[in-house]
Amino acid sequence: MKRLVRLLLTIALAVVVLTGFRWYRYVTNSDSPYDEIGITLNNSMPGPINSWGCAKLKNTFANSLPPYGCGAGDATQWK
């Protein structure tokens, strides 16, 4: 039973680390703000983390339309 709990915790930790890395890579080092997986991950993050990610994307892609979750009101302006 102890081995099963340890295995499940290890798998859960690996998923969290890989998801977090993928999200961080999207907001800091992306060629396009319209990566579907990155948009989904950023949009599902809690408020302060989503705001930070949107700010990083805005710094990099200020002249582009904001991706889903980073647009204000009419979705043509950044938050």
PDB file of N, CA and C in Angstrom:
ATOM      1  N   MET A   1       0.815  -1.189   0.000  1.00  0.00           N
ATOM      2  CA  MET A   1       0.000   0.000   0.000  1.00  0.00           C
ATOM      3  C   MET A   1       0.862   1.257   0.000  1.00  0.00           C
ATOM      4  N   LYS A   2       1.948   1.209   0.760  1.00  0.00           N
ATOM      5  CA  LYS A   2       2.855   2.342   0.841  1.00  0.00           C
ATOM      6  C   LYS A   2       3.499   2.632  -0.522  1.00  0.00           C
ATOM      7  N   ARG A   3       3.834   1.590  -1.247  1.00  0.00           N
ATOM      8  CA  ARG A   3       4.446   1.755  -2.568  1.00  0.00           C
ATOM      9  C   ARG A   3       3.469   2.382  -3.549  1.00  0.00           C
ATOM     10  N   LEU A   4       2.205   2.005  -3.454  1.00  0.00           N
ATOM     11  CA  LEU A   4       1.187   2.560  -4.350  1.00  0.00           C
ATOM     12  C   LEU A   4       1.003   4.056  -4.103  1.00  0.00           C
ATOM     13  N   VAL A   5       0.936   4.457  -2.852  1.00  0.00           N
ATOM     14  CA  VAL A   5       0.797   5.875  -2.516  1.00  0.00           C
ATOM     15  C   VAL A   5       2.008   6.651  -3.007  1.00  0.00           C
ATOM     16  N   ARG A   6       3.178   6.114  -2.800  1.00  0.00           N
ATOM     17  CA  ARG A   6       4.403   6.762  -3.252  1.00  0.00           C
ATOM     18  C   ARG A   6       4.427   6.892  -4.769  1.00  0.00           C
ATOM     19  N   LEU A   7       4.003   5.857  -5.478  1.00  0.00           N
ATOM     20  CA  LEU A   7       3.952   5.894  -6.939  1.00  0.00           C
ATOM     21  C   LEU A   7       2.952   6.945  -7.425  1.00  0.00           C
ATOM     22  N   LEU A   8       1.781   6.992  -6.813  1.00  0.00           N
ATOM     23  CA  LEU A   8       0.773   7.973  -7.208  1.00  0.00           C
ATOM     24  C   LEU A   8       1.233   9.405  -6.943  1.00  0.00           C
ATOM     25  N   LEU A   9       1.892   9.622  -5.816  1.00  0.00           N
ATOM     26  CA  LEU A   9       2.433  10.946  -5.518  1.00  0.00           C
ATOM     27  C   LEU A   9       3.527  11.343  -6.505  1.00  0.00           C
ATOM     28  N   THR A  10       4.353  10.405  -6.880  1.00  0.00           N
ATOM     29  CA  THR A  10       5.411  10.669  -7.851  1.00  0.00           C
ATOM     30  C   THR A  10       4.815  11.024  -9.207  1.00  0.00           C
ATOM     31  N   ILE A  11       3.809  10.295  -9.622  1.00  0.00           N
ATOM     32  CA  ILE A  11       3.153  10.585 -10.901  1.00  0.00           C
ATOM     33  C   ILE A  11       2.477  11.951 -10.860  1.00  0.00           C
ATOM     34  N   ALA A  12       1.789  12.260  -9.770  1.00  0.00           N
ATOM     35  CA  ALA A  12       1.125  13.559  -9.637  1.00  0.00           C
ATOM     36  C   ALA A  12       2.145  14.696  -9.666  1.00  0.00           C
ATOM     37  N   LEU A  13       3.250  14.543  -8.982  1.00  0.00           N
ATOM     38  CA  LEU A  13       4.295  15.556  -8.981  1.00  0.00           C
ATOM     39  C   LEU A  13       4.881  15.744 -10.379  1.00  0.00           C
ATOM     40  N   ALA A  14       5.110  14.656 -11.087  1.00  0.00           N
ATOM     41  CA  ALA A  14       5.642  14.730 -12.449  1.00  0.00           C
ATOM     42  C   ALA A  14       4.684  15.473 -13.377  1.00  0.00           C
ATOM     43  N   VAL A  15       3.402  15.217 -13.243  1.00  0.00           N
ATOM     44  CA  VAL A  15       2.407  15.910 -14.067  1.00  0.00           C
ATOM     45  C   VAL A  15       2.409  17.406 -13.764  1.00  0.00           C
ATOM     46  N   VAL A  16       2.458  17.768 -12.495  1.00  0.00           N
ATOM     47  CA  VAL A  16       2.473  19.181 -12.110  1.00  0.00           C
ATOM     48  C   VAL A  16       3.730  19.873 -12.635  1.00  0.00           C
ATOM     49  N   VAL A  17       4.871  19.239 -12.501  1.00  0.00           N
ATOM     50  CA  VAL A  17       6.126  19.835 -12.965  1.00  0.00           C
ATOM     51  C   VAL A  17       6.122  19.990 -14.481  1.00  0.00           C
ATOM     52  N   LEU A  18       5.707  18.980 -15.211  1.00  0.00           N
ATOM     53  CA  LEU A  18       5.698  19.060 -16.667  1.00  0.00           C
ATOM     54  C   LEU A  18       4.691  20.085 -17.176  1.00  0.00           C
ATOM     55  N   THR A  19       3.531  20.152 -16.554  1.00  0.00           N
ATOM     56  CA  THR A  19       2.527  21.140 -16.947  1.00  0.00           C
ATOM     57  C   THR A  19       3.018  22.553 -16.650  1.00  0.00           C
ATOM     58  N   GLY A  20       3.597  22.737 -15.486  1.00  0.00           N
ATOM     59  CA  GLY A  20       4.138  24.046 -15.124  1.00  0.00           C
ATOM     60  C   GLY A  20       5.258  24.479 -16.045  1.00  0.00           C
ATOM     61  N   PHE A  21       6.125  23.549 -16.406  1.00  0.00           N
ATOM     62  CA  PHE A  21       7.216  23.868 -17.334  1.00  0.00           C
ATOM     63  C   PHE A  21       6.667  24.254 -18.692  1.00  0.00           C
ATOM     64  N   ARG A  22       5.684  23.530 -19.176  1.00  0.00           N
ATOM     65  CA  ARG A  22       5.084  23.818 -20.492  1.00  0.00           C
ATOM     66  C   ARG A  22       4.430  25.199 -20.491  1.00  0.00           C
ATOM     67  N   TRP A  23       3.719  25.531 -19.418  1.00  0.00           N
ATOM     68  CA  TRP A  23       3.094  26.847 -19.305  1.00  0.00           C
ATOM     69  C   TRP A  23       4.153  27.949 -19.249  1.00  0.00           C
ATOM     70  N   TYR A  24       5.182  27.760 -18.424  1.00  0.00           N
ATOM     71  CA  TYR A  24       6.235  28.767 -18.287  1.00  0.00           C
ATOM     72  C   TYR A  24       6.949  28.991 -19.614  1.00  0.00           C
ATOM     73  N   ARG A  25       7.215  27.920 -20.330  1.00  0.00           N
ATOM     74  CA  ARG A  25       7.864  28.034 -21.636  1.00  0.00           C
ATOM     75  C   ARG A  25       6.987  28.804 -22.612  1.00  0.00           C
ATOM     76  N   TYR A  26       5.674  28.610 -22.538  1.00  0.00           N
ATOM     77  CA  TYR A  26       4.756  29.332 -23.418  1.00  0.00           C
ATOM     78  C   TYR A  26       4.781  30.833 -23.140  1.00  0.00           C
ATOM     79  N   VAL A  27       4.696  31.227 -21.879  1.00  0.00           N
ATOM     80  CA  VAL A  27       4.601  32.657 -21.584  1.00  0.00           C
ATOM     81  C   VAL A  27       5.934  33.388 -21.673  1.00  0.00           C
ATOM     82  N   THR A  28       7.044  32.690 -21.581  1.00  0.00           N
ATOM     83  CA  THR A  28       8.342  33.374 -21.604  1.00  0.00           C
ATOM     84  C   THR A  28       9.142  33.164 -22.871  1.00  0.00           C
ATOM     85  N   ASN A  29       8.863  32.122 -23.621  1.00  0.00           N
ATOM     86  CA  ASN A  29       9.737  31.796 -24.749  1.00  0.00           C
ATOM     87  C   ASN A  29       8.934  31.194 -25.892  1.00  0.00           C
ATOM     88  N   SER A  30       7.961  31.919 -26.387  1.00  0.00           N
ATOM     89  CA  SER A  30       7.102  31.397 -27.434  1.00  0.00           C
ATOM     90  C   SER A  30       7.275  32.219 -28.705  1.00  0.00           C
ATOM     91  N   ASP A  31       7.116  31.563 -29.842  1.00  0.00           N
ATOM     92  CA  ASP A  31       7.183  32.260 -31.125  1.00  0.00           C
ATOM     93  C   ASP A  31       5.851  32.895 -31.488  1.00  0.00           C
ATOM     94  N   SER A  32       4.777  32.397 -30.902  1.00  0.00           N
ATOM     95  CA  SER A  32       3.441  32.884 -31.213  1.00  0.00           C
ATOM     96  C   SER A  32       2.577  32.878 -29.951  1.00  0.00           C
ATOM     97  N   PRO A  33       1.747  33.902 -29.763  1.00  0.00           N
ATOM     98  CA  PRO A  33       0.864  33.893 -28.602  1.00  0.00           C
ATOM     99  C   PRO A  33      -0.361  33.007 -28.799  1.00  0.00           C
ATOM    100  N   TYR A  34      -0.469  32.377 -29.966  1.00  0.00           N
ATOM    101  CA  TYR A  34      -1.668  31.617 -30.301  1.00  0.00           C
ATOM    102  C   TYR A  34      -1.473  30.103 -30.251  1.00  0.00           C
ATOM    103  N   ASP A  35      -0.542  29.636 -29.444  1.00  0.00           N
ATOM    104  CA  ASP A  35      -0.332  28.212 -29.238  1.00  0.00           C
ATOM    105  C   ASP A  35      -1.500  27.657 -28.423  1.00  0.00           C
ATOM    106  N   GLU A  36      -2.226  26.704 -28.989  1.00  0.00           N
ATOM    107  CA  GLU A  36      -3.461  26.212 -28.357  1.00  0.00           C
ATOM    108  C   GLU A  36      -3.242  25.641 -26.960  1.00  0.00           C
ATOM    109  N   ILE A  37      -2.205  24.853 -26.797  1.00  0.00           N
ATOM    110  CA  ILE A  37      -1.944  24.256 -25.486  1.00  0.00           C
ATOM    111  C   ILE A  37      -1.546  25.330 -24.487  1.00  0.00           C
ATOM    112  N   GLY A  38      -0.703  26.252 -24.904  1.00  0.00           N
ATOM    113  CA  GLY A  38      -0.291  27.337 -24.024  1.00  0.00           C
ATOM    114  C   GLY A  38      -1.456  28.217 -23.606  1.00  0.00           C
ATOM    115  N   ILE A  39      -2.344  28.525 -24.539  1.00  0.00           N
ATOM    116  CA  ILE A  39      -3.519  29.334 -24.217  1.00  0.00           C
ATOM    117  C   ILE A  39      -4.386  28.615 -23.193  1.00  0.00           C
ATOM    118  N   THR A  40      -4.593  27.327 -23.403  1.00  0.00           N
ATOM    119  CA  THR A  40      -5.417  26.546 -22.477  1.00  0.00           C
ATOM    120  C   THR A  40      -4.790  26.510 -21.090  1.00  0.00           C
ATOM    121  N   LEU A  41      -3.500  26.268 -21.020  1.00  0.00           N
ATOM    122  CA  LEU A  41      -2.820  26.227 -19.725  1.00  0.00           C
ATOM    123  C   LEU A  41      -2.872  27.586 -19.027  1.00  0.00           C
ATOM    124  N   ASN A  42      -2.591  28.658 -19.759  1.00  0.00           N
ATOM    125  CA  ASN A  42      -2.587  29.983 -19.155  1.00  0.00           C
ATOM    126  C   ASN A  42      -3.987  30.365 -18.686  1.00  0.00           C
ATOM    127  N   ASN A  43      -4.990  30.031 -19.467  1.00  0.00           N
ATOM    128  CA  ASN A  43      -6.353  30.370 -19.107  1.00  0.00           C
ATOM    129  C   ASN A  43      -6.847  29.586 -17.888  1.00  0.00           C
ATOM    130  N   SER A  44      -6.278  28.414 -17.652  1.00  0.00           N
ATOM    131  CA  SER A  44      -6.715  27.601 -16.512  1.00  0.00           C
ATOM    132  C   SER A  44      -5.925  27.887 -15.236  1.00  0.00           C
ATOM    133  N   MET A  45      -4.934  28.746 -15.316  1.00  0.00           N
ATOM    134  CA  MET A  45      -4.165  29.110 -14.126  1.00  0.00           C
ATOM    135  C   MET A  45      -4.980  30.037 -13.219  1.00  0.00           C
ATOM    136  N   PRO A  46      -4.679  30.026 -11.913  1.00  0.00           N
ATOM    137  CA  PRO A  46      -5.358  30.948 -10.995  1.00  0.00           C
ATOM    138  C   PRO A  46      -5.094  32.409 -11.390  1.00  0.00           C
ATOM    139  N   GLY A  47      -5.949  33.316 -10.960  1.00  0.00           N
ATOM    140  CA  GLY A  47      -5.905  34.722 -11.346  1.00  0.00           C
ATOM    141  C   GLY A  47      -4.544  35.398 -11.369  1.00  0.00           C
ATOM    142  N   PRO A  48      -3.793  35.422 -10.269  1.00  0.00           N
ATOM    143  CA  PRO A  48      -2.509  36.126 -10.276  1.00  0.00           C
ATOM    144  C   PRO A  48      -1.489  35.503 -11.248  1.00  0.00           C
ATOM    145  N   ILE A  49      -1.499  34.199 -11.365  1.00  0.00           N
ATOM    146  CA  ILE A  49      -0.562  33.536 -12.271  1.00  0.00           C
ATOM    147  C   ILE A  49      -0.964  33.819 -13.715  1.00  0.00           C
ATOM    148  N   ASN A  50      -2.264  33.795 -14.000  1.00  0.00           N
ATOM    149  CA  ASN A  50      -2.757  34.127 -15.333  1.00  0.00           C
ATOM    150  C   ASN A  50      -2.406  35.567 -15.687  1.00  0.00           C
ATOM    151  N   SER A  51      -2.567  36.476 -14.754  1.00  0.00           N
ATOM    152  CA  SER A  51      -2.245  37.894 -15.007  1.00  0.00           C
ATOM    153  C   SER A  51      -0.758  38.066 -15.298  1.00  0.00           C
ATOM    154  N   TRP A  52       0.082  37.361 -14.554  1.00  0.00           N
ATOM    155  CA  TRP A  52       1.524  37.443 -14.790  1.00  0.00           C
ATOM    156  C   TRP A  52       1.860  36.905 -16.176  1.00  0.00           C
ATOM    157  N   GLY A  53       1.251  35.770 -16.543  1.00  0.00           N
ATOM    158  CA  GLY A  53       1.489  35.187 -17.858  1.00  0.00           C
ATOM    159  C   GLY A  53       1.030  36.114 -18.971  1.00  0.00           C
ATOM    160  N   CYS A  54      -0.129  36.743 -18.792  1.00  0.00           N
ATOM    161  CA  CYS A  54      -0.633  37.682 -19.798  1.00  0.00           C
ATOM    162  C   CYS A  54       0.292  38.895 -19.919  1.00  0.00           C
ATOM    163  N   ALA A  55       0.824  39.363 -18.804  1.00  0.00           N
ATOM    164  CA  ALA A  55       1.749  40.497 -18.844  1.00  0.00           C
ATOM    165  C   ALA A  55       3.023  40.137 -19.601  1.00  0.00           C
ATOM    166  N   LYS A  56       3.534  38.929 -19.376  1.00  0.00           N
ATOM    167  CA  LYS A  56       4.734  38.487 -20.106  1.00  0.00           C
ATOM    168  C   LYS A  56       4.443  38.380 -21.599  1.00  0.00           C
ATOM    169  N   LEU A  57       3.275  37.822 -21.949  1.00  0.00           N
ATOM    170  CA  LEU A  57       2.903  37.713 -23.360  1.00  0.00           C
ATOM    171  C   LEU A  57       2.719  39.098 -23.978  1.00  0.00           C
ATOM    172  N   LYS A  58       2.136  40.025 -23.228  1.00  0.00           N
ATOM    173  CA  LYS A  58       1.932  41.386 -23.734  1.00  0.00           C
ATOM    174  C   LYS A  58       3.271  42.063 -24.010  1.00  0.00           C
ATOM    175  N   ASN A  59       4.259  41.859 -23.135  1.00  0.00           N
ATOM    176  CA  ASN A  59       5.588  42.436 -23.362  1.00  0.00           C
ATOM    177  C   ASN A  59       6.212  41.908 -24.643  1.00  0.00           C
ATOM    178  N   THR A  60       5.990  40.638 -24.935  1.00  0.00           N
ATOM    179  CA  THR A  60       6.591  40.018 -26.109  1.00  0.00           C
ATOM    180  C   THR A  60       5.799  40.291 -27.384  1.00  0.00           C
ATOM    181  N   PHE A  61       4.478  40.274 -27.291  1.00  0.00           N
ATOM    182  CA  PHE A  61       3.616  40.372 -28.474  1.00  0.00           C
ATOM    183  C   PHE A  61       2.670  41.569 -28.377  1.00  0.00           C
ATOM    184  N   ALA A  62       3.162  42.734 -28.040  1.00  0.00           N
ATOM    185  CA  ALA A  62       2.319  43.915 -27.817  1.00  0.00           C
ATOM    186  C   ALA A  62       1.542  44.333 -29.064  1.00  0.00           C
ATOM    187  N   ASN A  63       2.071  44.067 -30.240  1.00  0.00           N
ATOM    188  CA  ASN A  63       1.418  44.498 -31.479  1.00  0.00           C
ATOM    189  C   ASN A  63       0.436  43.471 -32.034  1.00  0.00           C
ATOM    190  N   SER A  64       0.259  42.352 -31.348  1.00  0.00           N
ATOM    191  CA  SER A  64      -0.656  41.301 -31.792  1.00  0.00           C
ATOM    192  C   SER A  64      -1.947  41.373 -30.991  1.00  0.00           C
ATOM    193  N   LEU A  65      -2.982  40.731 -31.515  1.00  0.00           N
ATOM    194  CA  LEU A  65      -4.210  40.588 -30.742  1.00  0.00           C
ATOM    195  C   LEU A  65      -3.940  39.646 -29.576  1.00  0.00           C
ATOM    196  N   PRO A  66      -4.533  39.891 -28.426  1.00  0.00           N
ATOM    197  CA  PRO A  66      -4.285  39.028 -27.268  1.00  0.00           C
ATOM    198  C   PRO A  66      -4.920  37.651 -27.444  1.00  0.00           C
ATOM    199  N   PRO A  67      -4.279  36.609 -26.918  1.00  0.00           N
ATOM    200  CA  PRO A  67      -4.888  35.280 -26.960  1.00  0.00           C
ATOM    201  C   PRO A  67      -6.060  35.201 -25.984  1.00  0.00           C
ATOM    202  N   TYR A  68      -6.853  34.168 -26.118  1.00  0.00           N
ATOM    203  CA  TYR A  68      -8.006  33.960 -25.247  1.00  0.00           C
ATOM    204  C   TYR A  68      -7.548  33.962 -23.792  1.00  0.00           C
ATOM    205  N   GLY A  69      -8.236  34.700 -22.964  1.00  0.00           N
ATOM    206  CA  GLY A  69      -7.903  34.784 -21.546  1.00  0.00           C
ATOM    207  C   GLY A  69      -7.062  35.989 -21.190  1.00  0.00           C
ATOM    208  N   CYS A  70      -6.501  36.666 -22.194  1.00  0.00           N
ATOM    209  CA  CYS A  70      -5.673  37.845 -21.943  1.00  0.00           C
ATOM    210  C   CYS A  70      -6.289  39.114 -22.523  1.00  0.00           C
ATOM    211  N   GLY A  71      -7.440  38.985 -23.147  1.00  0.00           N
ATOM    212  CA  GLY A  71      -8.084  40.131 -23.762  1.00  0.00           C
ATOM    213  C   GLY A  71      -9.032  40.838 -22.804  1.00  0.00           C
ATOM    214  N   ALA A  72      -9.130  42.131 -22.970  1.00  0.00           N
ATOM    215  CA  ALA A  72     -10.063  42.924 -22.163  1.00  0.00           C
ATOM    216  C   ALA A  72     -11.308  43.215 -22.981  1.00  0.00           C
ATOM    217  N   GLY A  73     -12.451  43.169 -22.366  1.00  0.00           N
ATOM    218  CA  GLY A  73     -13.719  43.565 -22.973  1.00  0.00           C
ATOM    219  C   GLY A  73     -13.995  43.002 -24.348  1.00  0.00           C
ATOM    220  N   ASP A  74     -13.591  43.725 -25.372  1.00  0.00           N
ATOM    221  CA  ASP A  74     -13.894  43.332 -26.746  1.00  0.00           C
ATOM    222  C   ASP A  74     -12.855  42.374 -27.339  1.00  0.00           C
ATOM    223  N   ALA A  75     -11.894  41.946 -26.558  1.00  0.00           N
ATOM    224  CA  ALA A  75     -10.846  40.990 -26.954  1.00  0.00           C
ATOM    225  C   ALA A  75      -9.914  41.516 -28.033  1.00  0.00           C
ATOM    226  N   THR A  76      -9.880  42.834 -28.241  1.00  0.00           N
ATOM    227  CA  THR A  76      -8.913  43.401 -29.167  1.00  0.00           C
ATOM    228  C   THR A  76      -7.822  44.165 -28.426  1.00  0.00           C
ATOM    229  N   GLN A  77      -8.002  44.346 -27.125  1.00  0.00           N
ATOM    230  CA  GLN A  77      -7.022  45.051 -26.285  1.00  0.00           C
ATOM    231  C   GLN A  77      -6.518  44.094 -25.198  1.00  0.00           C
ATOM    232  N   TRP A  78      -5.260  44.254 -24.834  1.00  0.00           N
ATOM    233  CA  TRP A  78      -4.693  43.445 -23.741  1.00  0.00           C
ATOM    234  C   TRP A  78      -5.255  43.922 -22.412  1.00  0.00           C
ATOM    235  N   LYS A  79      -5.307  43.028 -21.446  1.00  0.00           N
ATOM    236  CA  LYS A  79      -5.752  43.383 -20.085  1.00  0.00           C
ATOM    237  C   LYS A  79      -4.810  44.371 -19.481  1.00  0.00           C
TER     238      LYS A  79
END
